Amino acid sequence: MKISILDDYQNVALAMADWDRLRGRCEIEVWTDHQPDPEILADRLKDTGILCPMRERTAITRDLMQRLPKLKMIASNSAANAAIDMEAAAELGIAVSHTDYLLYGTTELTWGLILAAIRRLPQEMASFRAGGWQGHVGQDIHGRRLGIVGLGNFGKAVARVGQAFGMEVAAWSANLDPAHAAEHGVAAVPKEELFATSDIISVHMKLSPRSWGMIGAAELGLMKPSAWIVNASRGPLIDEAALVAALRAGQIAGAALDTFDAEPLAADHPFRTLPNVVATPHIGFVTEDTYRLFYGQMAESIAAWLDGVPIRTVLPAPAA
């Protein structure tokens, strides 16, 4: 049976887990590029029996599954994968497994983006290498307000770091319980207040039809001209066109981004050139610990499935 590992951009999947237990039973192929064309993708995977996608980099649609007659299992990673049509997989008799997830990689990257943005680290580093010295006056975060959109597992982790920096932390989500927020030293406030009073807004919501585009021109228009918005969660949570317009107009200080509507991001996208954008290519979860967990449990699930042992199925998603 052929195992196809998708979107292994760094070509590290085989080094991050013990695949040897499968080699005598399976042929393993690794694809290091991202293939968005469904026709090319279906032809590429036509002999695949076990598919290993990386997060939501490739959509595993009903149409794709129907065109892969040998596909019997999808070994995905993280607690759930929104890019897999689970209903179609069930109807087609395709087993789907998932893995555990680590919070701290994305939390650390979120704070890396925040600090890089407010202290103008990319500009200062570039200036330093060019022979310059102290080109900007950075912002402080001690005593400022950190606004968290979505106080789930990720939001709480980011909030704790903000509190350690001496920030006042507030949060909003549609179903946020003020008592739950208070337990974590966070003030639950209305949405309008959060956007109008926060110095840094960090977004940590699960992407769903309800949350898609939940931050648009109205919310960005409430923000202080000195405020930054940070998104290491999912790109479509923020209306991209509205954000580009606000950044071009200097309506807010800037955006620190790790996720985007379409990935990989187009080479000519405005986010690549706008001076008030600090951005990374969706690397929040791209860490050694996370990859070893992902690929290790994926290999374990495949071995268990081949042996007829129950596999890891979908786990509850973190609360928003």
C-alpha atoms as a PDB file:
ATOM      1  CA  MET A   1       0.000   0.000   0.000  1.00  0.00           C
ATOM      2  CA  LYS A   2       1.317   3.424  -0.907  1.00  0.00           C
ATOM      3  CA  ILE A   3       1.570   6.156   1.730  1.00  0.00           C
ATOM      4  CA  SER A   4       1.649   9.700   0.345  1.00  0.00           C
ATOM      5  CA  ILE A   5       2.899  12.473   2.642  1.00  0.00           C
ATOM      6  CA  LEU A   6       1.749  15.871   1.379  1.00  0.00           C
ATOM      7  CA  ASP A   7       3.143  19.402   1.673  1.00  0.00           C
ATOM      8  CA  ASP A   8       6.343  18.512   3.515  1.00  0.00           C
ATOM      9  CA  TYR A   9       7.833  21.923   2.725  1.00  0.00           C
ATOM     10  CA  GLN A  10      11.047  21.372   4.695  1.00  0.00           C
ATOM     11  CA  ASN A  11      11.464  17.719   3.598  1.00  0.00           C
ATOM     12  CA  VAL A  12      11.675  16.551   7.205  1.00  0.00           C
ATOM     13  CA  ALA A  13       8.719  14.170   7.643  1.00  0.00           C
ATOM     14  CA  LEU A  14      10.789  10.992   7.385  1.00  0.00           C
ATOM     15  CA  ALA A  15      13.316  12.289   9.933  1.00  0.00           C
ATOM     16  CA  MET A  16      10.644  13.298  12.461  1.00  0.00           C
ATOM     17  CA  ALA A  17       9.185   9.845  13.153  1.00  0.00           C
ATOM     18  CA  ASP A  18       9.938   6.131  13.118  1.00  0.00           C
ATOM     19  CA  TRP A  19       8.553   5.040   9.762  1.00  0.00           C
ATOM     20  CA  ASP A  20      10.652   1.849   9.664  1.00  0.00           C
ATOM     21  CA  ARG A  21       7.828  -0.248  11.096  1.00  0.00           C
ATOM     22  CA  LEU A  22       5.825   0.564   7.954  1.00  0.00           C
ATOM     23  CA  ARG A  23       8.456   0.141   5.260  1.00  0.00           C
ATOM     24  CA  GLY A  24       8.024  -3.599   4.889  1.00  0.00           C
ATOM     25  CA  ARG A  25       4.272  -3.157   4.466  1.00  0.00           C
ATOM     26  CA  CYS A  26       4.026   0.135   2.621  1.00  0.00           C
ATOM     27  CA  GLU A  27       5.742   2.244   0.001  1.00  0.00           C
ATOM     28  CA  ILE A  28       6.259   5.799   1.278  1.00  0.00           C
ATOM     29  CA  GLU A  29       6.392   8.811  -1.031  1.00  0.00           C
ATOM     30  CA  VAL A  30       6.944  12.397   0.110  1.00  0.00           C
ATOM     31  CA  TRP A  31       5.791  15.508  -1.744  1.00  0.00           C
ATOM     32  CA  THR A  32       7.626  18.667  -0.702  1.00  0.00           C
ATOM     33  CA  ASP A  33       5.684  21.059  -2.934  1.00  0.00           C
ATOM     34  CA  HIS A  34       2.127  22.289  -2.612  1.00  0.00           C
ATOM     35  CA  GLN A  35      -0.088  21.271  -5.514  1.00  0.00           C
ATOM     36  CA  PRO A  36      -3.281  23.370  -5.689  1.00  0.00           C
ATOM     37  CA  ASP A  37      -4.480  22.035  -9.058  1.00  0.00           C
ATOM     38  CA  PRO A  38      -7.075  19.302  -8.327  1.00  0.00           C
ATOM     39  CA  GLU A  39      -6.446  17.553 -11.649  1.00  0.00           C
ATOM     40  CA  ILE A  40      -2.704  17.277 -11.106  1.00  0.00           C
ATOM     41  CA  LEU A  41      -3.239  16.323  -7.464  1.00  0.00           C
ATOM     42  CA  ALA A  42      -5.689  13.537  -8.304  1.00  0.00           C
ATOM     43  CA  ASP A  43      -3.309  12.114 -10.904  1.00  0.00           C
ATOM     44  CA  ARG A  44      -0.393  12.356  -8.483  1.00  0.00           C
ATOM     45  CA  LEU A  45      -2.278  10.435  -5.787  1.00  0.00           C
ATOM     46  CA  LYS A  46      -4.163   7.907  -7.928  1.00  0.00           C
ATOM     47  CA  ASP A  47      -2.294   4.939  -6.419  1.00  0.00           C
ATOM     48  CA  THR A  48      -2.359   6.208  -2.840  1.00  0.00           C
ATOM     49  CA  GLY A  49      -3.877   3.992  -0.157  1.00  0.00           C
ATOM     50  CA  ILE A  50      -2.973   6.112   2.867  1.00  0.00           C
ATOM     51  CA  LEU A  51      -2.842   9.893   2.679  1.00  0.00           C
ATOM     52  CA  CYS A  52      -0.917  12.053   5.157  1.00  0.00           C
ATOM     53  CA  PRO A  53      -1.874  15.740   4.823  1.00  0.00           C
ATOM     54  CA  MET A  54      -0.198  18.461   6.890  1.00  0.00           C
ATOM     55  CA  ARG A  55      -2.846  20.542   8.636  1.00  0.00           C
ATOM     56  CA  GLU A  56      -5.092  22.381   6.140  1.00  0.00           C
ATOM     57  CA  ARG A  57      -2.422  22.934   3.487  1.00  0.00           C
ATOM     58  CA  THR A  58      -4.309  20.738   0.994  1.00  0.00           C
ATOM     59  CA  ALA A  59      -8.094  20.405   0.844  1.00  0.00           C
ATOM     60  CA  ILE A  60      -9.178  16.760   0.945  1.00  0.00           C
ATOM     61  CA  THR A  61     -12.533  17.202  -0.756  1.00  0.00           C
ATOM     62  CA  ARG A  62     -15.262  14.765  -1.684  1.00  0.00           C
ATOM     63  CA  ASP A  63     -14.314  15.122  -5.338  1.00  0.00           C
ATOM     64  CA  LEU A  64     -10.671  14.309  -4.623  1.00  0.00           C
ATOM     65  CA  MET A  65     -11.530  11.274  -2.489  1.00  0.00           C
ATOM     66  CA  GLN A  66     -13.914   9.965  -5.142  1.00  0.00           C
ATOM     67  CA  ARG A  67     -11.084  10.128  -7.673  1.00  0.00           C
ATOM     68  CA  LEU A  68      -8.708   8.094  -5.519  1.00  0.00           C
ATOM     69  CA  PRO A  69     -10.060   4.513  -5.770  1.00  0.00           C
ATOM     70  CA  LYS A  70      -7.294   3.003  -3.628  1.00  0.00           C
ATOM     71  CA  LEU A  71      -7.596   5.489  -0.767  1.00  0.00           C
ATOM     72  CA  LYS A  72      -8.535   3.719   2.473  1.00  0.00           C
ATOM     73  CA  MET A  73      -7.133   5.922   5.218  1.00  0.00           C
ATOM     74  CA  ILE A  74      -6.274   9.575   5.912  1.00  0.00           C
ATOM     75  CA  ALA A  75      -3.724  10.036   8.702  1.00  0.00           C
ATOM     76  CA  SER A  76      -4.128  13.693   9.532  1.00  0.00           C
ATOM     77  CA  ASN A  77      -2.672  15.705  12.371  1.00  0.00           C
ATOM     78  CA  SER A  78      -3.849  18.129  15.039  1.00  0.00           C
ATOM     79  CA  ALA A  79      -7.141  17.738  16.893  1.00  0.00           C
ATOM     80  CA  ALA A  80      -9.191  18.194  13.724  1.00  0.00           C
ATOM     81  CA  ASN A  81      -8.632  19.164  10.108  1.00  0.00           C
ATOM     82  CA  ALA A  82     -11.201  21.524   8.613  1.00  0.00           C
ATOM     83  CA  ALA A  83      -9.874  20.818   5.118  1.00  0.00           C
ATOM     84  CA  ILE A  84     -11.050  17.186   5.199  1.00  0.00           C
ATOM     85  CA  ASP A  85     -14.637  16.484   4.170  1.00  0.00           C
ATOM     86  CA  MET A  86     -15.381  14.160   7.071  1.00  0.00           C
ATOM     87  CA  GLU A  87     -18.901  13.363   5.876  1.00  0.00           C
ATOM     88  CA  ALA A  88     -17.601  12.238   2.495  1.00  0.00           C
ATOM     89  CA  ALA A  89     -14.838  10.182   4.111  1.00  0.00           C
ATOM     90  CA  ALA A  90     -17.395   8.361   6.250  1.00  0.00           C
ATOM     91  CA  GLU A  91     -19.663   7.688   3.266  1.00  0.00           C
ATOM     92  CA  LEU A  92     -16.747   6.381   1.219  1.00  0.00           C
ATOM     93  CA  GLY A  93     -15.501   4.154   4.036  1.00  0.00           C
ATOM     94  CA  ILE A  94     -12.223   6.036   4.448  1.00  0.00           C
ATOM     95  CA  ALA A  95     -10.794   5.926   7.970  1.00  0.00           C
ATOM     96  CA  VAL A  96      -9.543   9.253   9.348  1.00  0.00           C
ATOM     97  CA  SER A  97      -7.149   9.596  12.278  1.00  0.00           C
ATOM     98  CA  HIS A  98      -5.911  12.687  14.084  1.00  0.00           C
ATOM     99  CA  THR A  99      -3.174  13.511  16.569  1.00  0.00           C
ATOM    100  CA  ASP A 100      -2.617  15.539  19.691  1.00  0.00           C
ATOM    101  CA  TYR A 101      -1.454  19.157  19.429  1.00  0.00           C
ATOM    102  CA  LEU A 102       0.990  21.394  21.293  1.00  0.00           C
ATOM    103  CA  LEU A 103      -0.047  24.910  22.291  1.00  0.00           C
ATOM    104  CA  TYR A 104       3.276  26.506  23.003  1.00  0.00           C
ATOM    105  CA  GLY A 105       4.770  26.767  19.510  1.00  0.00           C
ATOM    106  CA  THR A 106       2.057  29.098  18.230  1.00  0.00           C
ATOM    107  CA  THR A 107       1.966  30.999  21.525  1.00  0.00           C
ATOM    108  CA  GLU A 108       5.709  31.660  21.324  1.00  0.00           C
ATOM    109  CA  LEU A 109       5.462  32.735  17.679  1.00  0.00           C
ATOM    110  CA  THR A 110       2.580  35.092  18.512  1.00  0.00           C
ATOM    111  CA  TRP A 111       4.748  36.892  21.023  1.00  0.00           C
ATOM    112  CA  GLY A 112       7.672  36.899  18.620  1.00  0.00           C
ATOM    113  CA  LEU A 113       5.465  38.739  16.130  1.00  0.00           C
ATOM    114  CA  ILE A 114       4.215  41.176  18.759  1.00  0.00           C
ATOM    115  CA  LEU A 115       7.684  42.070  19.982  1.00  0.00           C
ATOM    116  CA  ALA A 116       9.087  42.299  16.458  1.00  0.00           C
ATOM    117  CA  ALA A 117       6.271  44.654  15.488  1.00  0.00           C
ATOM    118  CA  ILE A 118       6.254  47.084  18.377  1.00  0.00           C
ATOM    119  CA  ARG A 119      10.037  47.289  18.700  1.00  0.00           C
ATOM    120  CA  ARG A 120      10.514  47.536  14.909  1.00  0.00           C
ATOM    121  CA  LEU A 121      12.945  44.613  14.983  1.00  0.00           C
ATOM    122  CA  PRO A 122      12.892  43.837  11.222  1.00  0.00           C
ATOM    123  CA  GLN A 123      13.703  47.469  10.385  1.00  0.00           C
ATOM    124  CA  GLU A 124      16.392  47.769  13.068  1.00  0.00           C
ATOM    125  CA  MET A 125      18.023  44.497  12.008  1.00  0.00           C
ATOM    126  CA  ALA A 126      18.083  45.570   8.353  1.00  0.00           C
ATOM    127  CA  SER A 127      19.488  48.964   9.319  1.00  0.00           C
ATOM    128  CA  PHE A 128      22.136  47.377  11.541  1.00  0.00           C
ATOM    129  CA  ARG A 129      23.349  45.089   8.745  1.00  0.00           C
ATOM    130  CA  ALA A 130      23.540  48.112   6.450  1.00  0.00           C
ATOM    131  CA  GLY A 131      25.689  50.022   8.947  1.00  0.00           C
ATOM    132  CA  GLY A 132      22.932  52.042  10.594  1.00  0.00           C
ATOM    133  CA  TRP A 133      22.237  52.680  14.266  1.00  0.00           C
ATOM    134  CA  GLN A 134      18.997  53.266  16.205  1.00  0.00           C
ATOM    135  CA  GLY A 135      16.526  54.292  13.542  1.00  0.00           C
ATOM    136  CA  HIS A 136      13.278  54.011  15.513  1.00  0.00           C
ATOM    137  CA  VAL A 137      11.780  54.611  18.928  1.00  0.00           C
ATOM    138  CA  GLY A 138       9.932  51.441  19.909  1.00  0.00           C
ATOM    139  CA  GLN A 139       6.669  51.111  21.807  1.00  0.00           C
ATOM    140  CA  ASP A 140       6.376  49.688  25.319  1.00  0.00           C
ATOM    141  CA  ILE A 141       3.836  47.059  26.280  1.00  0.00           C
ATOM    142  CA  HIS A 142       4.061  47.255  30.073  1.00  0.00           C
ATOM    143  CA  GLY A 143       0.881  48.872  31.361  1.00  0.00           C
ATOM    144  CA  ARG A 144      -0.819  48.737  27.939  1.00  0.00           C
ATOM    145  CA  ARG A 145      -3.984  46.785  27.126  1.00  0.00           C
ATOM    146  CA  LEU A 146      -3.809  43.443  25.346  1.00  0.00           C
ATOM    147  CA  GLY A 147      -7.122  42.531  23.722  1.00  0.00           C
ATOM    148  CA  ILE A 148      -7.726  38.821  23.126  1.00  0.00           C
ATOM    149  CA  VAL A 149     -10.367  37.774  20.601  1.00  0.00           C
ATOM    150  CA  GLY A 150     -11.290  34.267  21.735  1.00  0.00           C
ATOM    151  CA  LEU A 151     -10.216  33.162  25.220  1.00  0.00           C
ATOM    152  CA  GLY A 152      -9.773  29.464  24.464  1.00  0.00           C
ATOM    153  CA  ASN A 153      -6.616  27.437  25.011  1.00  0.00           C
ATOM    154  CA  PHE A 154      -4.491  29.604  22.730  1.00  0.00           C
ATOM    155  CA  GLY A 155      -6.018  32.863  23.930  1.00  0.00           C
ATOM    156  CA  LYS A 156      -5.403  31.980  27.576  1.00  0.00           C
ATOM    157  CA  ALA A 157      -1.791  31.036  26.850  1.00  0.00           C
ATOM    158  CA  VAL A 158      -1.153  34.362  25.078  1.00  0.00           C
ATOM    159  CA  ALA A 159      -2.930  36.214  27.898  1.00  0.00           C
ATOM    160  CA  ARG A 160      -0.634  34.683  30.532  1.00  0.00           C
ATOM    161  CA  VAL A 161       2.443  35.991  28.720  1.00  0.00           C
ATOM    162  CA  GLY A 162       0.874  39.431  28.407  1.00  0.00           C
ATOM    163  CA  GLN A 163       0.222  39.444  32.137  1.00  0.00           C
ATOM    164  CA  ALA A 164       3.858  38.472  32.765  1.00  0.00           C
ATOM    165  CA  PHE A 165       4.870  41.538  30.740  1.00  0.00           C
ATOM    166  CA  GLY A 166       2.707  43.703  32.998  1.00  0.00           C
ATOM    167  CA  MET A 167      -0.111  44.218  30.521  1.00  0.00           C
ATOM    168  CA  GLU A 168      -3.774  44.680  31.330  1.00  0.00           C
ATOM    169  CA  VAL A 169      -5.574  41.863  29.510  1.00  0.00           C
ATOM    170  CA  ALA A 170      -9.147  41.996  28.218  1.00  0.00           C
ATOM    171  CA  ALA A 171     -11.031  39.527  26.054  1.00  0.00           C
ATOM    172  CA  TRP A 172     -14.133  39.147  23.961  1.00  0.00           C
ATOM    173  CA  SER A 173     -15.898  36.359  22.130  1.00  0.00           C
ATOM    174  CA  ALA A 174     -19.563  35.824  21.389  1.00  0.00           C
ATOM    175  CA  ASN A 175     -20.005  33.264  24.180  1.00  0.00           C
ATOM    176  CA  LEU A 176     -17.338  34.362  26.631  1.00  0.00           C
ATOM    177  CA  ASP A 177     -18.349  33.813  30.261  1.00  0.00           C
ATOM    178  CA  PRO A 178     -17.143  36.772  32.387  1.00  0.00           C
ATOM    179  CA  ALA A 179     -16.593  34.414  35.325  1.00  0.00           C
ATOM    180  CA  HIS A 180     -14.360  32.185  33.185  1.00  0.00           C
ATOM    181  CA  ALA A 181     -12.348  35.210  32.067  1.00  0.00           C
ATOM    182  CA  ALA A 182     -12.014  36.464  35.642  1.00  0.00           C
ATOM    183  CA  GLU A 183     -10.602  33.098  36.731  1.00  0.00           C
ATOM    184  CA  HIS A 184      -7.672  33.827  34.428  1.00  0.00           C
ATOM    185  CA  GLY A 185      -7.237  37.451  35.470  1.00  0.00           C
ATOM    186  CA  VAL A 186      -8.842  38.702  32.246  1.00  0.00           C
ATOM    187  CA  ALA A 187     -11.590  41.311  31.933  1.00  0.00           C
ATOM    188  CA  ALA A 188     -14.486  40.294  29.690  1.00  0.00           C
ATOM    189  CA  VAL A 189     -15.550  43.355  27.700  1.00  0.00           C
ATOM    190  CA  PRO A 190     -17.910  44.108  24.790  1.00  0.00           C
ATOM    191  CA  LYS A 191     -16.492  43.709  21.299  1.00  0.00           C
ATOM    192  CA  GLU A 192     -16.592  47.430  20.545  1.00  0.00           C
ATOM    193  CA  GLU A 193     -14.723  48.274  23.735  1.00  0.00           C
ATOM    194  CA  LEU A 194     -12.056  45.673  23.054  1.00  0.00           C
ATOM    195  CA  PHE A 195     -11.251  47.094  19.637  1.00  0.00           C
ATOM    196  CA  ALA A 196     -11.476  50.733  20.721  1.00  0.00           C
ATOM    197  CA  THR A 197      -9.294  50.475  23.835  1.00  0.00           C
ATOM    198  CA  SER A 198      -6.676  47.793  23.134  1.00  0.00           C
ATOM    199  CA  ASP A 199      -3.096  48.623  22.189  1.00  0.00           C
ATOM    200  CA  ILE A 200      -2.513  45.139  20.797  1.00  0.00           C
ATOM    201  CA  ILE A 201      -5.305  42.865  19.582  1.00  0.00           C
ATOM    202  CA  SER A 202      -4.467  39.167  19.191  1.00  0.00           C
ATOM    203  CA  VAL A 203      -6.934  36.889  17.407  1.00  0.00           C
ATOM    204  CA  HIS A 204      -7.456  33.300  18.614  1.00  0.00           C
ATOM    205  CA  MET A 205     -10.732  31.982  17.232  1.00  0.00           C
ATOM    206  CA  LYS A 206     -11.596  28.716  15.553  1.00  0.00           C
ATOM    207  CA  LEU A 207     -12.444  29.275  11.876  1.00  0.00           C
ATOM    208  CA  SER A 208     -16.083  28.490  11.126  1.00  0.00           C
ATOM    209  CA  PRO A 209     -18.866  29.916   8.944  1.00  0.00           C
ATOM    210  CA  ARG A 210     -19.789  32.130  11.917  1.00  0.00           C
ATOM    211  CA  SER A 211     -16.295  33.468  12.504  1.00  0.00           C
ATOM    212  CA  TRP A 212     -15.248  33.896   8.858  1.00  0.00           C
ATOM    213  CA  GLY A 213     -14.558  37.613   8.302  1.00  0.00           C
ATOM    214  CA  MET A 214     -15.645  38.443  11.849  1.00  0.00           C
ATOM    215  CA  ILE A 215     -13.134  41.317  11.975  1.00  0.00           C
ATOM    216  CA  GLY A 216     -13.886  43.754   9.176  1.00  0.00           C
ATOM    217  CA  ALA A 217     -13.803  47.443   8.360  1.00  0.00           C
ATOM    218  CA  ALA A 218     -16.107  48.323  11.265  1.00  0.00           C
ATOM    219  CA  GLU A 219     -13.887  46.650  13.863  1.00  0.00           C
ATOM    220  CA  LEU A 220     -10.654  47.974  12.344  1.00  0.00           C
ATOM    221  CA  GLY A 221     -12.214  51.434  12.279  1.00  0.00           C
ATOM    222  CA  LEU A 222     -12.628  51.333  16.048  1.00  0.00           C
ATOM    223  CA  MET A 223      -8.930  50.680  16.683  1.00  0.00           C
ATOM    224  CA  LYS A 224      -6.470  53.300  17.917  1.00  0.00           C
ATOM    225  CA  PRO A 225      -4.104  54.686  15.249  1.00  0.00           C
ATOM    226  CA  SER A 226      -1.267  53.391  17.467  1.00  0.00           C
ATOM    227  CA  ALA A 227      -2.673  49.863  17.820  1.00  0.00           C
ATOM    228  CA  TRP A 228      -1.509  46.627  16.201  1.00  0.00           C
ATOM    229  CA  ILE A 229      -3.591  43.604  15.235  1.00  0.00           C
ATOM    230  CA  VAL A 230      -1.998  40.160  15.426  1.00  0.00           C
ATOM    231  CA  ASN A 231      -3.248  36.999  13.719  1.00  0.00           C
ATOM    232  CA  ALA A 232      -1.487  33.678  14.154  1.00  0.00           C
ATOM    233  CA  SER A 233      -4.782  31.773  14.165  1.00  0.00           C
ATOM    234  CA  ARG A 234      -6.490  31.680  10.746  1.00  0.00           C
ATOM    235  CA  GLY A 235      -6.247  34.281   7.993  1.00  0.00           C
ATOM    236  CA  PRO A 236      -9.944  34.463   7.033  1.00  0.00           C
ATOM    237  CA  LEU A 237     -10.941  35.557  10.531  1.00  0.00           C
ATOM    238  CA  ILE A 238      -9.976  39.061   9.385  1.00  0.00           C
ATOM    239  CA  ASP A 239     -11.468  40.563   6.218  1.00  0.00           C
ATOM    240  CA  GLU A 240      -8.308  40.734   4.130  1.00  0.00           C
ATOM    241  CA  ALA A 241      -9.412  43.541   1.825  1.00  0.00           C
ATOM    242  CA  ALA A 242     -10.479  45.679   4.795  1.00  0.00           C
ATOM    243  CA  LEU A 243      -7.162  45.048   6.536  1.00  0.00           C
ATOM    244  CA  VAL A 244      -5.125  45.977   3.457  1.00  0.00           C
ATOM    245  CA  ALA A 245      -7.147  49.179   3.094  1.00  0.00           C
ATOM    246  CA  ALA A 246      -6.644  50.102   6.767  1.00  0.00           C
ATOM    247  CA  LEU A 247      -2.910  49.456   6.524  1.00  0.00           C
ATOM    248  CA  ARG A 248      -2.514  51.469   3.322  1.00  0.00           C
ATOM    249  CA  ALA A 249      -4.404  54.383   4.866  1.00  0.00           C
ATOM    250  CA  GLY A 250      -2.319  54.290   8.046  1.00  0.00           C
ATOM    251  CA  GLN A 251      -5.546  53.837   9.972  1.00  0.00           C
ATOM    252  CA  ILE A 252      -3.805  51.517  12.456  1.00  0.00           C
ATOM    253  CA  ALA A 253      -0.135  51.156  13.361  1.00  0.00           C
ATOM    254  CA  GLY A 254       0.168  47.795  11.658  1.00  0.00           C
ATOM    255  CA  ALA A 255      -0.523  44.087  11.475  1.00  0.00           C
ATOM    256  CA  ALA A 256       1.587  41.145  12.588  1.00  0.00           C
ATOM    257  CA  LEU A 257       0.509  38.081  10.635  1.00  0.00           C
ATOM    258  CA  ASP A 258       1.341  34.379  10.387  1.00  0.00           C
ATOM    259  CA  THR A 259      -1.801  33.178   8.593  1.00  0.00           C
ATOM    260  CA  PHE A 260      -3.480  34.237   5.358  1.00  0.00           C
ATOM    261  CA  ASP A 261      -6.580  33.646   3.256  1.00  0.00           C
ATOM    262  CA  ALA A 262      -4.705  31.675   0.588  1.00  0.00           C
ATOM    263  CA  GLU A 263      -1.492  29.835   1.366  1.00  0.00           C
ATOM    264  CA  PRO A 264       1.220  29.895   0.210  1.00  0.00           C
ATOM    265  CA  LEU A 265       0.757  33.655  -0.086  1.00  0.00           C
ATOM    266  CA  ALA A 266       1.020  35.045  -3.626  1.00  0.00           C
ATOM    267  CA  ALA A 267       4.412  36.557  -4.402  1.00  0.00           C
ATOM    268  CA  ASP A 268       2.840  39.908  -5.327  1.00  0.00           C
ATOM    269  CA  HIS A 269       0.492  40.159  -2.335  1.00  0.00           C
ATOM    270  CA  PRO A 270       0.428  43.584  -0.610  1.00  0.00           C
ATOM    271  CA  PHE A 271       1.278  41.968   2.735  1.00  0.00           C
ATOM    272  CA  ARG A 272       4.755  41.253   1.358  1.00  0.00           C
ATOM    273  CA  THR A 273       5.540  44.924   0.725  1.00  0.00           C
ATOM    274  CA  LEU A 274       3.449  47.073   3.069  1.00  0.00           C
ATOM    275  CA  PRO A 275       5.869  48.744   5.514  1.00  0.00           C
ATOM    276  CA  ASN A 276       3.503  48.380   8.473  1.00  0.00           C
ATOM    277  CA  VAL A 277       3.205  44.581   8.163  1.00  0.00           C
ATOM    278  CA  VAL A 278       5.369  42.112  10.058  1.00  0.00           C
ATOM    279  CA  ALA A 279       4.703  38.662   8.657  1.00  0.00           C
ATOM    280  CA  THR A 280       5.886  35.062   8.729  1.00  0.00           C
ATOM    281  CA  PRO A 281       4.843  32.163   6.428  1.00  0.00           C
ATOM    282  CA  HIS A 282       2.478  30.279   8.781  1.00  0.00           C
ATOM    283  CA  ILE A 283       5.214  28.880  10.998  1.00  0.00           C
ATOM    284  CA  GLY A 284       3.425  29.047  14.355  1.00  0.00           C
ATOM    285  CA  PHE A 285       3.189  25.257  14.547  1.00  0.00           C
ATOM    286  CA  VAL A 286       6.312  24.558  12.479  1.00  0.00           C
ATOM    287  CA  THR A 287       8.563  23.484  15.345  1.00  0.00           C
ATOM    288  CA  GLU A 288      10.538  20.342  16.056  1.00  0.00           C
ATOM    289  CA  ASP A 289       8.409  19.327  19.054  1.00  0.00           C
ATOM    290  CA  THR A 290       5.176  19.735  17.115  1.00  0.00           C
ATOM    291  CA  TYR A 291       6.431  17.967  14.001  1.00  0.00           C
ATOM    292  CA  ARG A 292       7.758  15.036  16.023  1.00  0.00           C
ATOM    293  CA  LEU A 293       4.370  14.756  17.726  1.00  0.00           C
ATOM    294  CA  PHE A 294       2.442  15.054  14.462  1.00  0.00           C
ATOM    295  CA  TYR A 295       4.451  12.666  12.324  1.00  0.00           C
ATOM    296  CA  GLY A 296       5.119  10.274  15.200  1.00  0.00           C
ATOM    297  CA  GLN A 297       1.428   9.841  15.993  1.00  0.00           C
ATOM    298  CA  MET A 298       0.544   9.701  12.299  1.00  0.00           C
ATOM    299  CA  ALA A 299       2.929   6.760  11.852  1.00  0.00           C
ATOM    300  CA  GLU A 300       1.540   5.126  15.000  1.00  0.00           C
ATOM    301  CA  SER A 301      -2.030   5.501  13.732  1.00  0.00           C
ATOM    302  CA  ILE A 302      -1.163   3.994  10.350  1.00  0.00           C
ATOM    303  CA  ALA A 303       0.504   1.004  12.010  1.00  0.00           C
ATOM    304  CA  ALA A 304      -2.500   0.547  14.313  1.00  0.00           C
ATOM    305  CA  TRP A 305      -4.939   0.776  11.410  1.00  0.00           C
ATOM    306  CA  LEU A 306      -2.977  -1.794   9.411  1.00  0.00           C
ATOM    307  CA  ASP A 307      -3.118  -4.087  12.445  1.00  0.00           C
ATOM    308  CA  GLY A 308      -6.844  -3.546  12.900  1.00  0.00           C
ATOM    309  CA  VAL A 309      -6.397  -1.660  16.170  1.00  0.00           C
ATOM    310  CA  PRO A 310      -8.631   1.373  16.960  1.00  0.00           C
ATOM    311  CA  ILE A 311      -7.038   4.616  15.808  1.00  0.00           C
ATOM    312  CA  ARG A 312      -7.052   8.176  17.114  1.00  0.00           C
ATOM    313  CA  THR A 313     -10.170   9.874  15.817  1.00  0.00           C
ATOM    314  CA  VAL A 314     -11.313  13.485  15.937  1.00  0.00           C
ATOM    315  CA  LEU A 315     -10.700  15.118  19.312  1.00  0.00           C
ATOM    316  CA  PRO A 316     -12.736  18.046  20.673  1.00  0.00           C
ATOM    317  CA  ALA A 317     -11.528  21.357  19.229  1.00  0.00           C
ATOM    318  CA  PRO A 318     -10.230  23.993  21.705  1.00  0.00           C
ATOM    319  CA  ALA A 319     -12.991  26.253  22.979  1.00  0.00           C
ATOM    320  CA  ALA A 320     -13.051  29.806  21.629  1.00  0.00           C
END
